[in-house]
Amino acid sequence: SISAMGWYRQAPGKQRELVARITRGGSINYVHSVKGRFT
């Protein structure tokens, strides 16, 4: 039933943000601040 999986993060005092996601079809997106560093 899963269409995508991803990683979020939440720092103290901040909202939870999407870090990276990969869809069932293999599409990937990253938050700008981690591009080139996270995979």
Full PDB file with SEQRES, HELIX, SHEET, SSBOND, CRYST1, ORIGX, SCALE, CONECT and MASTER records, all heavy atoms in Angstrom:
SEQRES   1 A   39  SER ILE SER ALA MET GLY TRP TYR ARG GLN ALA PRO GLY          
SEQRES   2 A   39  LYS GLN ARG GLU LEU VAL ALA ARG ILE THR ARG GLY GLY          
SEQRES   3 A   39  SER ILE ASN TYR VAL HIS SER VAL LYS GLY ARG PHE THR          
HELIX    1 AA1 HIS A   32  VAL A   34  5                                   3    
SHEET    1 AA1 3 ALA A   4  ARG A   9  0                                        
SHEET    2 AA1 3 GLU A  17  THR A  23 -1                                        
SHEET    3 AA1 3 ILE A  28  TYR A  30 -1                                        
CRYST1    1.000    1.000    1.000  90.00  90.00  90.00 P 1           1          
ORIGX1      1.000000  0.000000  0.000000        0.00000                         
ORIGX2      0.000000  1.000000  0.000000        0.00000                         
ORIGX3      0.000000  0.000000  1.000000        0.00000                         
SCALE1      1.000000  0.000000  0.000000        0.00000                         
SCALE2      0.000000  1.000000  0.000000        0.00000                         
SCALE3      0.000000  0.000000  1.000000        0.00000                         
ATOM      1  N   SER A   1       0.807  -1.222   0.000  1.00  0.00           N  
ATOM      2  CA  SER A   1       0.000   0.000   0.000  1.00  0.00           C  
ATOM      3  C   SER A   1       0.842   1.275   0.000  1.00  0.00           C  
ATOM      4  O   SER A   1       0.298   2.369  -0.140  1.00  0.00           O  
ATOM      5  CB  SER A   1      -0.922   0.016   1.221  1.00  0.00           C  
ATOM      6  OG  SER A   1      -0.178   0.198   2.415  1.00  0.00           O  
ATOM      7  N   ILE A   2       2.147   1.123   0.140  1.00  0.00           N  
ATOM      8  CA  ILE A   2       3.014   2.296   0.272  1.00  0.00           C  
ATOM      9  C   ILE A   2       3.317   2.890  -1.103  1.00  0.00           C  
ATOM     10  O   ILE A   2       3.774   2.193  -2.004  1.00  0.00           O  
ATOM     11  CB  ILE A   2       4.333   1.916   0.972  1.00  0.00           C  
ATOM     12  CG1 ILE A   2       4.051   1.428   2.394  1.00  0.00           C  
ATOM     13  CG2 ILE A   2       5.277   3.112   0.997  1.00  0.00           C  
ATOM     14  CD1 ILE A   2       5.283   0.876   3.094  1.00  0.00           C  
ATOM     15  N   SER A   3       3.076   4.185  -1.253  1.00  0.00           N  
ATOM     16  CA  SER A   3       3.369   4.855  -2.513  1.00  0.00           C  
ATOM     17  C   SER A   3       4.687   5.623  -2.474  1.00  0.00           C  
ATOM     18  O   SER A   3       5.267   5.911  -3.529  1.00  0.00           O  
ATOM     19  CB  SER A   3       2.233   5.803  -2.897  1.00  0.00           C  
ATOM     20  OG  SER A   3       2.061   6.785  -1.891  1.00  0.00           O  
ATOM     21  N   ALA A   4       5.144   5.953  -1.294  1.00  0.00           N  
ATOM     22  CA  ALA A   4       6.419   6.662  -1.161  1.00  0.00           C  
ATOM     23  C   ALA A   4       6.922   6.500   0.263  1.00  0.00           C  
ATOM     24  O   ALA A   4       6.121   6.326   1.202  1.00  0.00           O  
ATOM     25  CB  ALA A   4       6.264   8.143  -1.489  1.00  0.00           C  
ATOM     26  N   MET A   5       8.230   6.563   0.398  1.00  0.00           N  
ATOM     27  CA  MET A   5       8.840   6.562   1.727  1.00  0.00           C  
ATOM     28  C   MET A   5       9.833   7.697   1.807  1.00  0.00           C  
ATOM     29  O   MET A   5      10.444   8.082   0.795  1.00  0.00           O  
ATOM     30  CB  MET A   5       9.520   5.234   2.031  1.00  0.00           C  
ATOM     31  CG  MET A   5       8.529   4.093   2.227  1.00  0.00           C  
ATOM     32  SD  MET A   5       9.306   2.573   2.809  1.00  0.00           S  
ATOM     33  CE  MET A   5       9.789   3.053   4.470  1.00  0.00           C  
ATOM     34  N   GLY A   6       9.979   8.223   2.997  1.00  0.00           N  
ATOM     35  CA  GLY A   6      10.873   9.352   3.131  1.00  0.00           C  
ATOM     36  C   GLY A   6      11.369   9.543   4.543  1.00  0.00           C  
ATOM     37  O   GLY A   6      11.021   8.780   5.452  1.00  0.00           O  
ATOM     38  N   TRP A   7      12.189  10.544   4.675  1.00  0.00           N  
ATOM     39  CA  TRP A   7      12.742  10.931   5.962  1.00  0.00           C  
ATOM     40  C   TRP A   7      12.377  12.383   6.240  1.00  0.00           C  
ATOM     41  O   TRP A   7      12.548  13.251   5.366  1.00  0.00           O  
ATOM     42  CB  TRP A   7      14.258  10.780   5.971  1.00  0.00           C  
ATOM     43  CG  TRP A   7      14.708   9.365   5.926  1.00  0.00           C  
ATOM     44  CD1 TRP A   7      15.022   8.624   4.816  1.00  0.00           C  
ATOM     45  CD2 TRP A   7      14.894   8.501   7.051  1.00  0.00           C  
ATOM     46  NE1 TRP A   7      15.382   7.355   5.189  1.00  0.00           N  
ATOM     47  CE2 TRP A   7      15.310   7.256   6.560  1.00  0.00           C  
ATOM     48  CE3 TRP A   7      14.752   8.658   8.426  1.00  0.00           C  
ATOM     49  CZ2 TRP A   7      15.591   6.175   7.396  1.00  0.00           C  
ATOM     50  CZ3 TRP A   7      15.029   7.589   9.255  1.00  0.00           C  
ATOM     51  CH2 TRP A   7      15.439   6.363   8.736  1.00  0.00           C  
ATOM     52  N   TYR A   8      11.880  12.616   7.446  1.00  0.00           N  
ATOM     53  CA  TYR A   8      11.611  13.948   7.938  1.00  0.00           C  
ATOM     54  C   TYR A   8      12.531  14.192   9.135  1.00  0.00           C  
ATOM     55  O   TYR A   8      13.074  13.249   9.707  1.00  0.00           O  
ATOM     56  CB  TYR A   8      10.155  14.082   8.400  1.00  0.00           C  
ATOM     57  CG  TYR A   8       9.148  14.170   7.294  1.00  0.00           C  
ATOM     58  CD1 TYR A   8       8.866  13.067   6.492  1.00  0.00           C  
ATOM     59  CD2 TYR A   8       8.438  15.348   7.058  1.00  0.00           C  
ATOM     60  CE1 TYR A   8       7.919  13.143   5.478  1.00  0.00           C  
ATOM     61  CE2 TYR A   8       7.484  15.436   6.053  1.00  0.00           C  
ATOM     62  CZ  TYR A   8       7.226  14.326   5.262  1.00  0.00           C  
ATOM     63  OH  TYR A   8       6.289  14.408   4.272  1.00  0.00           O  
ATOM     64  N   ARG A   9      12.669  15.448   9.510  1.00  0.00           N  
ATOM     65  CA  ARG A   9      13.408  15.762  10.728  1.00  0.00           C  
ATOM     66  C   ARG A   9      12.743  16.927  11.449  1.00  0.00           C  
ATOM     67  O   ARG A   9      12.072  17.754  10.837  1.00  0.00           O  
ATOM     68  CB  ARG A   9      14.863  16.089  10.413  1.00  0.00           C  
ATOM     69  CG  ARG A   9      15.082  17.365   9.606  1.00  0.00           C  
ATOM     70  CD  ARG A   9      16.551  17.509   9.251  1.00  0.00           C  
ATOM     71  NE  ARG A   9      16.803  18.713   8.463  1.00  0.00           N  
ATOM     72  CZ  ARG A   9      17.974  19.003   7.900  1.00  0.00           C  
ATOM     73  NH1 ARG A   9      19.016  18.164   8.045  1.00  0.00           N  
ATOM     74  NH2 ARG A   9      18.114  20.114   7.217  1.00  0.00           N  
ATOM     75  N   GLN A  10      12.960  16.925  12.744  1.00  0.00           N  
ATOM     76  CA  GLN A  10      12.416  17.998  13.570  1.00  0.00           C  
ATOM     77  C   GLN A  10      13.456  18.401  14.590  1.00  0.00           C  
ATOM     78  O   GLN A  10      13.857  17.592  15.442  1.00  0.00           O  
ATOM     79  CB  GLN A  10      11.122  17.570  14.259  1.00  0.00           C  
ATOM     80  CG  GLN A  10      10.426  18.702  14.975  1.00  0.00           C  
ATOM     81  CD  GLN A  10       9.006  18.360  15.365  1.00  0.00           C  
ATOM     82  OE1 GLN A  10       8.615  17.188  15.429  1.00  0.00           O  
ATOM     83  NE2 GLN A  10       8.203  19.382  15.611  1.00  0.00           N  
ATOM     84  N   ALA A  11      13.888  19.644  14.475  1.00  0.00           N  
ATOM     85  CA  ALA A  11      14.833  20.212  15.437  1.00  0.00           C  
ATOM     86  C   ALA A  11      14.042  20.899  16.543  1.00  0.00           C  
ATOM     87  O   ALA A  11      12.883  21.286  16.344  1.00  0.00           O  
ATOM     88  CB  ALA A  11      15.750  21.202  14.733  1.00  0.00           C  
ATOM     89  N   PRO A  12      14.643  21.078  17.711  1.00  0.00           N  
ATOM     90  CA  PRO A  12      13.940  21.724  18.827  1.00  0.00           C  
ATOM     91  C   PRO A  12      13.421  23.104  18.430  1.00  0.00           C  
ATOM     92  O   PRO A  12      14.148  23.917  17.861  1.00  0.00           O  
ATOM     93  CB  PRO A  12      15.027  21.833  19.898  1.00  0.00           C  
ATOM     94  CG  PRO A  12      15.965  20.716  19.595  1.00  0.00           C  
ATOM     95  CD  PRO A  12      15.984  20.613  18.107  1.00  0.00           C  
ATOM     96  N   GLY A  13      12.150  23.332  18.692  1.00  0.00           N  
ATOM     97  CA  GLY A  13      11.546  24.620  18.409  1.00  0.00           C  
ATOM     98  C   GLY A  13      11.206  24.859  16.952  1.00  0.00           C  
ATOM     99  O   GLY A  13      10.768  25.956  16.593  1.00  0.00           O  
ATOM    100  N   LYS A  14      11.389  23.851  16.114  1.00  0.00           N  
ATOM    101  CA  LYS A  14      11.112  24.003  14.689  1.00  0.00           C  
ATOM    102  C   LYS A  14      10.061  22.999  14.238  1.00  0.00           C  
ATOM    103  O   LYS A  14       9.811  21.992  14.886  1.00  0.00           O  
ATOM    104  CB  LYS A  14      12.385  23.845  13.873  1.00  0.00           C  
ATOM    105  CG  LYS A  14      13.420  24.929  14.124  1.00  0.00           C  
ATOM    106  CD  LYS A  14      14.567  24.813  13.155  1.00  0.00           C  
ATOM    107  CE  LYS A  14      15.558  25.949  13.349  1.00  0.00           C  
ATOM    108  NZ  LYS A  14      16.690  25.863  12.382  1.00  0.00           N  
ATOM    109  N   GLN A  15       9.468  23.295  13.085  1.00  0.00           N  
ATOM    110  CA  GLN A  15       8.488  22.377  12.520  1.00  0.00           C  
ATOM    111  C   GLN A  15       9.194  21.183  11.871  1.00  0.00           C  
ATOM    112  O   GLN A  15      10.343  21.282  11.435  1.00  0.00           O  
ATOM    113  CB  GLN A  15       7.634  23.108  11.478  1.00  0.00           C  
ATOM    114  CG  GLN A  15       6.673  24.128  12.076  1.00  0.00           C  
ATOM    115  CD  GLN A  15       5.712  24.671  11.039  1.00  0.00           C  
ATOM    116  OE1 GLN A  15       6.029  24.717   9.863  1.00  0.00           O  
ATOM    117  NE2 GLN A  15       4.530  25.051  11.475  1.00  0.00           N  
ATOM    118  N   ARG A  16       8.473  20.100  11.800  1.00  0.00           N  
ATOM    119  CA  ARG A  16       9.003  18.932  11.107  1.00  0.00           C  
ATOM    120  C   ARG A  16       9.092  19.247   9.616  1.00  0.00           C  
ATOM    121  O   ARG A  16       8.164  19.812   9.041  1.00  0.00           O  
ATOM    122  CB  ARG A  16       8.093  17.724  11.354  1.00  0.00           C  
ATOM    123  CG  ARG A  16       8.648  16.412  10.876  1.00  0.00           C  
ATOM    124  CD  ARG A  16       7.756  15.250  11.298  1.00  0.00           C  
ATOM    125  NE  ARG A  16       7.686  15.112  12.749  1.00  0.00           N  
ATOM    126  CZ  ARG A  16       7.117  14.068  13.368  1.00  0.00           C  
ATOM    127  NH1 ARG A  16       6.592  13.084  12.646  1.00  0.00           N  
ATOM    128  NH2 ARG A  16       7.082  14.024  14.673  1.00  0.00           N  
ATOM    129  N   GLU A  17      10.197  18.869   9.002  1.00  0.00           N  
ATOM    130  CA  GLU A  17      10.385  19.147   7.586  1.00  0.00           C  
ATOM    131  C   GLU A  17      10.789  17.877   6.837  1.00  0.00           C  
ATOM    132  O   GLU A  17      11.468  17.007   7.385  1.00  0.00           O  
ATOM    133  CB  GLU A  17      11.447  20.228   7.349  1.00  0.00           C  
ATOM    134  CG  GLU A  17      12.862  19.831   7.723  1.00  0.00           C  
ATOM    135  CD  GLU A  17      13.917  20.822   7.263  1.00  0.00           C  
ATOM    136  OE1 GLU A  17      13.602  21.757   6.507  1.00  0.00           O  
ATOM    137  OE2 GLU A  17      15.093  20.644   7.657  1.00  0.00           O  
ATOM    138  N   LEU A  18      10.353  17.823   5.590  1.00  0.00           N  
ATOM    139  CA  LEU A  18      10.755  16.714   4.729  1.00  0.00           C  
ATOM    140  C   LEU A  18      12.227  16.884   4.349  1.00  0.00           C  
ATOM    141  O   LEU A  18      12.630  17.949   3.891  1.00  0.00           O  
ATOM    142  CB  LEU A  18       9.892  16.691   3.477  1.00  0.00           C  
ATOM    143  CG  LEU A  18      10.277  15.664   2.408  1.00  0.00           C  
ATOM    144  CD1 LEU A  18      10.097  14.247   2.916  1.00  0.00           C  
ATOM    145  CD2 LEU A  18       9.462  15.893   1.134  1.00  0.00           C  
ATOM    146  N   VAL A  19      12.994  15.826   4.521  1.00  0.00           N  
ATOM    147  CA  VAL A  19      14.407  15.838   4.159  1.00  0.00           C  
ATOM    148  C   VAL A  19      14.612  15.193   2.786  1.00  0.00           C  
ATOM    149  O   VAL A  19      15.271  15.759   1.915  1.00  0.00           O  
ATOM    150  CB  VAL A  19      15.244  15.097   5.210  1.00  0.00           C  
ATOM    151  CG1 VAL A  19      16.709  15.044   4.786  1.00  0.00           C  
ATOM    152  CG2 VAL A  19      15.105  15.757   6.572  1.00  0.00           C  
ATOM    153  N   ALA A  20      14.037  14.022   2.606  1.00  0.00           N  
ATOM    154  CA  ALA A  20      14.195  13.295   1.343  1.00  0.00           C  
ATOM    155  C   ALA A  20      13.058  12.300   1.200  1.00  0.00           C  
ATOM    156  O   ALA A  20      12.555  11.775   2.203  1.00  0.00           O  
ATOM    157  CB  ALA A  20      15.534  12.567   1.293  1.00  0.00           C  
ATOM    158  N   ARG A  21      12.682  12.039  -0.049  1.00  0.00           N  
ATOM    159  CA  ARG A  21      11.595  11.101  -0.303  1.00  0.00           C  
ATOM    160  C   ARG A  21      11.884  10.342  -1.589  1.00  0.00           C  
ATOM    161  O   ARG A  21      12.433  10.899  -2.533  1.00  0.00           O  
ATOM    162  CB  ARG A  21      10.262  11.836  -0.436  1.00  0.00           C  
ATOM    163  CG  ARG A  21       9.096  10.931  -0.846  1.00  0.00           C  
ATOM    164  CD  ARG A  21       7.817  11.732  -0.986  1.00  0.00           C  
ATOM    165  NE  ARG A  21       7.301  12.131   0.310  1.00  0.00           N  
ATOM    166  CZ  ARG A  21       6.452  13.140   0.473  1.00  0.00           C  
ATOM    167  NH1 ARG A  21       6.060  13.865  -0.549  1.00  0.00           N  
ATOM    168  NH2 ARG A  21       6.015  13.437   1.682  1.00  0.00           N  
ATOM    169  N   ILE A  22      11.492   9.078  -1.580  1.00  0.00           N  
ATOM    170  CA  ILE A  22      11.604   8.258  -2.780  1.00  0.00           C  
ATOM    171  C   ILE A  22      10.246   7.601  -3.026  1.00  0.00           C  
ATOM    172  O   ILE A  22       9.649   7.027  -2.111  1.00  0.00           O  
ATOM    173  CB  ILE A  22      12.732   7.203  -2.650  1.00  0.00           C  
ATOM    174  CG1 ILE A  22      12.875   6.398  -3.930  1.00  0.00           C  
ATOM    175  CG2 ILE A  22      12.547   6.285  -1.438  1.00  0.00           C  
ATOM    176  CD1 ILE A  22      14.163   5.560  -3.973  1.00  0.00           C  
ATOM    177  N   THR A  23       9.759   7.715  -4.236  1.00  0.00           N  
ATOM    178  CA  THR A  23       8.450   7.159  -4.549  1.00  0.00           C  
ATOM    179  C   THR A  23       8.570   5.713  -5.006  1.00  0.00           C  
ATOM    180  O   THR A  23       9.668   5.216  -5.288  1.00  0.00           O  
ATOM    181  CB  THR A  23       7.742   7.964  -5.647  1.00  0.00           C  
ATOM    182  OG1 THR A  23       8.447   7.754  -6.884  1.00  0.00           O  
ATOM    183  CG2 THR A  23       7.710   9.444  -5.306  1.00  0.00           C  
ATOM    184  N   ARG A  24       7.430   5.051  -5.120  1.00  0.00           N  
ATOM    185  CA  ARG A  24       7.415   3.674  -5.596  1.00  0.00           C  
ATOM    186  C   ARG A  24       8.061   3.581  -6.975  1.00  0.00           C  
ATOM    187  O   ARG A  24       8.731   2.618  -7.305  1.00  0.00           O  
ATOM    188  CB  ARG A  24       5.984   3.151  -5.649  1.00  0.00           C  
ATOM    189  CG  ARG A  24       5.846   1.702  -6.126  1.00  0.00           C  
ATOM    190  CD  ARG A  24       4.397   1.342  -6.270  1.00  0.00           C  
ATOM    191  NE  ARG A  24       3.694   1.391  -4.997  1.00  0.00           N  
ATOM    192  CZ  ARG A  24       2.361   1.390  -4.894  1.00  0.00           C  
ATOM    193  NH1 ARG A  24       1.612   1.379  -5.975  1.00  0.00           N  
ATOM    194  NH2 ARG A  24       1.797   1.413  -3.710  1.00  0.00           N  
ATOM    195  N   GLY A  25       7.854   4.619  -7.781  1.00  0.00           N  
ATOM    196  CA  GLY A  25       8.407   4.622  -9.126  1.00  0.00           C  
ATOM    197  C   GLY A  25       9.872   5.013  -9.185  1.00  0.00           C  
ATOM    198  O   GLY A  25      10.484   4.977 -10.258  1.00  0.00           O  
ATOM    199  N   GLY A  26      10.434   5.405  -8.050  1.00  0.00           N  
ATOM    200  CA  GLY A  26      11.853   5.723  -8.008  1.00  0.00           C  
ATOM    201  C   GLY A  26      12.183   7.206  -8.075  1.00  0.00           C  
ATOM    202  O   GLY A  26      13.361   7.579  -8.076  1.00  0.00           O  
ATOM    203  N   SER A  27      11.179   8.049  -8.138  1.00  0.00           N  
ATOM    204  CA  SER A  27      11.445   9.484  -8.133  1.00  0.00           C  
ATOM    205  C   SER A  27      11.942   9.911  -6.752  1.00  0.00           C  
ATOM    206  O   SER A  27      11.435   9.442  -5.733  1.00  0.00           O  
ATOM    207  CB  SER A  27      10.181  10.261  -8.495  1.00  0.00           C  
ATOM    208  OG  SER A  27       9.778   9.962  -9.808  1.00  0.00           O  
ATOM    209  N   ILE A  28      12.916  10.802  -6.755  1.00  0.00           N  
ATOM    210  CA  ILE A  28      13.553  11.235  -5.515  1.00  0.00           C  
ATOM    211  C   ILE A  28      13.543  12.750  -5.437  1.00  0.00           C  
ATOM    212  O   ILE A  28      13.755  13.435  -6.455  1.00  0.00           O  
ATOM    213  CB  ILE A  28      15.004  10.719  -5.441  1.00  0.00           C  
ATOM    214  CG1 ILE A  28      15.018   9.192  -5.264  1.00  0.00           C  
ATOM    215  CG2 ILE A  28      15.754  11.385  -4.298  1.00  0.00           C  
ATOM    216  CD1 ILE A  28      16.407   8.591  -5.343  1.00  0.00           C  
ATOM    217  N   ASN A  29      13.283  13.253  -4.263  1.00  0.00           N  
ATOM    218  CA  ASN A  29      13.455  14.683  -4.047  1.00  0.00           C  
ATOM    219  C   ASN A  29      14.060  14.929  -2.669  1.00  0.00           C  
ATOM    220  O   ASN A  29      13.903  14.114  -1.749  1.00  0.00           O  
ATOM    221  CB  ASN A  29      12.148  15.455  -4.229  1.00  0.00           C  
ATOM    222  CG  ASN A  29      11.079  15.061  -3.249  1.00  0.00           C  
ATOM    223  OD1 ASN A  29      10.492  14.005  -3.358  1.00  0.00           O  
ATOM    224  ND2 ASN A  29      10.818  15.928  -2.276  1.00  0.00           N  
ATOM    225  N   TYR A  30      14.787  16.036  -2.583  1.00  0.00           N  
ATOM    226  CA  TYR A  30      15.481  16.429  -1.358  1.00  0.00           C  
ATOM    227  C   TYR A  30      15.142  17.871  -1.003  1.00  0.00           C  
ATOM    228  O   TYR A  30      14.904  18.703  -1.896  1.00  0.00           O  
ATOM    229  CB  TYR A  30      17.003  16.354  -1.545  1.00  0.00           C  
ATOM    230  CG  TYR A  30      17.557  14.990  -1.853  1.00  0.00           C  
ATOM    231  CD1 TYR A  30      17.818  14.610  -3.170  1.00  0.00           C  
ATOM    232  CD2 TYR A  30      17.846  14.090  -0.835  1.00  0.00           C  
ATOM    233  CE1 TYR A  30      18.328  13.365  -3.464  1.00  0.00           C  
ATOM    234  CE2 TYR A  30      18.366  12.840  -1.117  1.00  0.00           C  
ATOM    235  CZ  TYR A  30      18.603  12.486  -2.435  1.00  0.00           C  
ATOM    236  OH  TYR A  30      19.119  11.251  -2.719  1.00  0.00           O  
ATOM    237  N   VAL A  31      15.184  18.160   0.279  1.00  0.00           N  
ATOM    238  CA  VAL A  31      15.135  19.553   0.679  1.00  0.00           C  
ATOM    239  C   VAL A  31      16.442  20.195   0.244  1.00  0.00           C  
ATOM    240  O   VAL A  31      17.502  19.544   0.227  1.00  0.00           O  
ATOM    241  CB  VAL A  31      14.918  19.687   2.206  1.00  0.00           C  
ATOM    242  CG1 VAL A  31      16.117  19.189   2.990  1.00  0.00           C  
ATOM    243  CG2 VAL A  31      14.580  21.117   2.575  1.00  0.00           C  
ATOM    244  N   HIS A  32      16.391  21.470  -0.120  1.00  0.00           N  
ATOM    245  CA  HIS A  32      17.551  22.127  -0.717  1.00  0.00           C  
ATOM    246  C   HIS A  32      18.786  22.049   0.167  1.00  0.00           C  
ATOM    247  O   HIS A  32      19.903  21.863  -0.334  1.00  0.00           O  
ATOM    248  CB  HIS A  32      17.214  23.587  -1.017  1.00  0.00           C  
ATOM    249  CG  HIS A  32      18.361  24.356  -1.595  1.00  0.00           C  
ATOM    250  ND1 HIS A  32      18.776  24.192  -2.903  1.00  0.00           N  
ATOM    251  CD2 HIS A  32      19.186  25.263  -1.037  1.00  0.00           C  
ATOM    252  CE1 HIS A  32      19.808  24.992  -3.126  1.00  0.00           C  
ATOM    253  NE2 HIS A  32      20.073  25.655  -2.012  1.00  0.00           N  
ATOM    254  N   SER A  33      18.592  22.149   1.470  1.00  0.00           N  
ATOM    255  CA  SER A  33      19.733  22.243   2.385  1.00  0.00           C  
ATOM    256  C   SER A  33      20.570  20.969   2.467  1.00  0.00           C  
ATOM    257  O   SER A  33      21.694  21.010   2.985  1.00  0.00           O  
ATOM    258  CB  SER A  33      19.252  22.626   3.785  1.00  0.00           C  
ATOM    259  OG  SER A  33      18.348  21.652   4.281  1.00  0.00           O  
ATOM    260  N   VAL A  34      20.062  19.847   1.962  1.00  0.00           N  
ATOM    261  CA  VAL A  34      20.829  18.601   2.049  1.00  0.00           C  
ATOM    262  C   VAL A  34      21.278  18.093   0.692  1.00  0.00           C  
ATOM    263  O   VAL A  34      21.986  17.081   0.617  1.00  0.00           O  
ATOM    264  CB  VAL A  34      20.033  17.497   2.783  1.00  0.00           C  
ATOM    265  CG1 VAL A  34      19.525  17.998   4.127  1.00  0.00           C  
ATOM    266  CG2 VAL A  34      18.896  16.949   1.932  1.00  0.00           C  
ATOM    267  N   LYS A  35      20.891  18.762  -0.359  1.00  0.00           N  
ATOM    268  CA  LYS A  35      21.270  18.304  -1.702  1.00  0.00           C  
ATOM    269  C   LYS A  35      22.791  18.251  -1.836  1.00  0.00           C  
ATOM    270  O   LYS A  35      23.490  19.177  -1.444  1.00  0.00           O  
ATOM    271  CB  LYS A  35      20.677  19.229  -2.759  1.00  0.00           C  
ATOM    272  CG  LYS A  35      19.189  19.040  -2.970  1.00  0.00           C  
ATOM    273  CD  LYS A  35      18.667  19.953  -4.073  1.00  0.00           C  
ATOM    274  CE  LYS A  35      17.178  19.732  -4.298  1.00  0.00           C  
ATOM    275  NZ  LYS A  35      16.638  20.632  -5.344  1.00  0.00           N  
ATOM    276  N   GLY A  36      23.271  17.157  -2.394  1.00  0.00           N  
ATOM    277  CA  GLY A  36      24.705  16.963  -2.549  1.00  0.00           C  
ATOM    278  C   GLY A  36      25.375  16.362  -1.332  1.00  0.00           C  
ATOM    279  O   GLY A  36      26.544  15.972  -1.405  1.00  0.00           O  
ATOM    280  N   ARG A  37      24.677  16.295  -0.215  1.00  0.00           N  
ATOM    281  CA  ARG A  37      25.256  15.729   1.005  1.00  0.00           C  
ATOM    282  C   ARG A  37      24.538  14.455   1.453  1.00  0.00           C  
ATOM    283  O   ARG A  37      25.160  13.545   1.982  1.00  0.00           O  
ATOM    284  CB  ARG A  37      25.198  16.751   2.142  1.00  0.00           C  
ATOM    285  CG  ARG A  37      25.933  18.035   1.868  1.00  0.00           C  
ATOM    286  CD  ARG A  37      26.024  18.918   3.116  1.00  0.00           C  
ATOM    287  NE  ARG A  37      24.711  19.350   3.583  1.00  0.00           N  
ATOM    288  CZ  ARG A  37      24.236  19.083   4.802  1.00  0.00           C  
ATOM    289  NH1 ARG A  37      24.950  18.396   5.666  1.00  0.00           N  
ATOM    290  NH2 ARG A  37      23.034  19.536   5.167  1.00  0.00           N  
ATOM    291  N   PHE A  38      23.235  14.401   1.266  1.00  0.00           N  
ATOM    292  CA  PHE A  38      22.427  13.257   1.690  1.00  0.00           C  
ATOM    293  C   PHE A  38      21.973  12.471   0.471  1.00  0.00           C  
ATOM    294  O   PHE A  38      21.710  13.041  -0.596  1.00  0.00           O  
ATOM    295  CB  PHE A  38      21.193  13.706   2.450  1.00  0.00           C  
ATOM    296  CG  PHE A  38      21.441  14.311   3.808  1.00  0.00           C  
ATOM    297  CD1 PHE A  38      22.710  14.667   4.239  1.00  0.00           C  
ATOM    298  CD2 PHE A  38      20.367  14.526   4.676  1.00  0.00           C  
ATOM    299  CE1 PHE A  38      22.929  15.216   5.488  1.00  0.00           C  
ATOM    300  CE2 PHE A  38      20.564  15.078   5.932  1.00  0.00           C  
ATOM    301  CZ  PHE A  38      21.845  15.423   6.320  1.00  0.00           C  
ATOM    302  N   THR A  39      21.853  11.165   0.653  1.00  0.00           N  
ATOM    303  CA  THR A  39      21.360  10.304  -0.412  1.00  0.00           C  
ATOM    304  C   THR A  39      20.343   9.328   0.151  1.00  0.00           C  
ATOM    305  O   THR A  39      20.639   8.606   1.112  1.00  0.00           O  
ATOM    306  CB  THR A  39      22.507   9.511  -1.064  1.00  0.00           C  
ATOM    307  OG1 THR A  39      23.492  10.414  -1.567  1.00  0.00           O  
ATOM    308  CG2 THR A  39      21.979   8.652  -2.209  1.00  0.00           C  
TER     309      THR A  39                                                      
MASTER        0    0    0    1    3    0    0    6  308    1    0    3          
END                                                                             
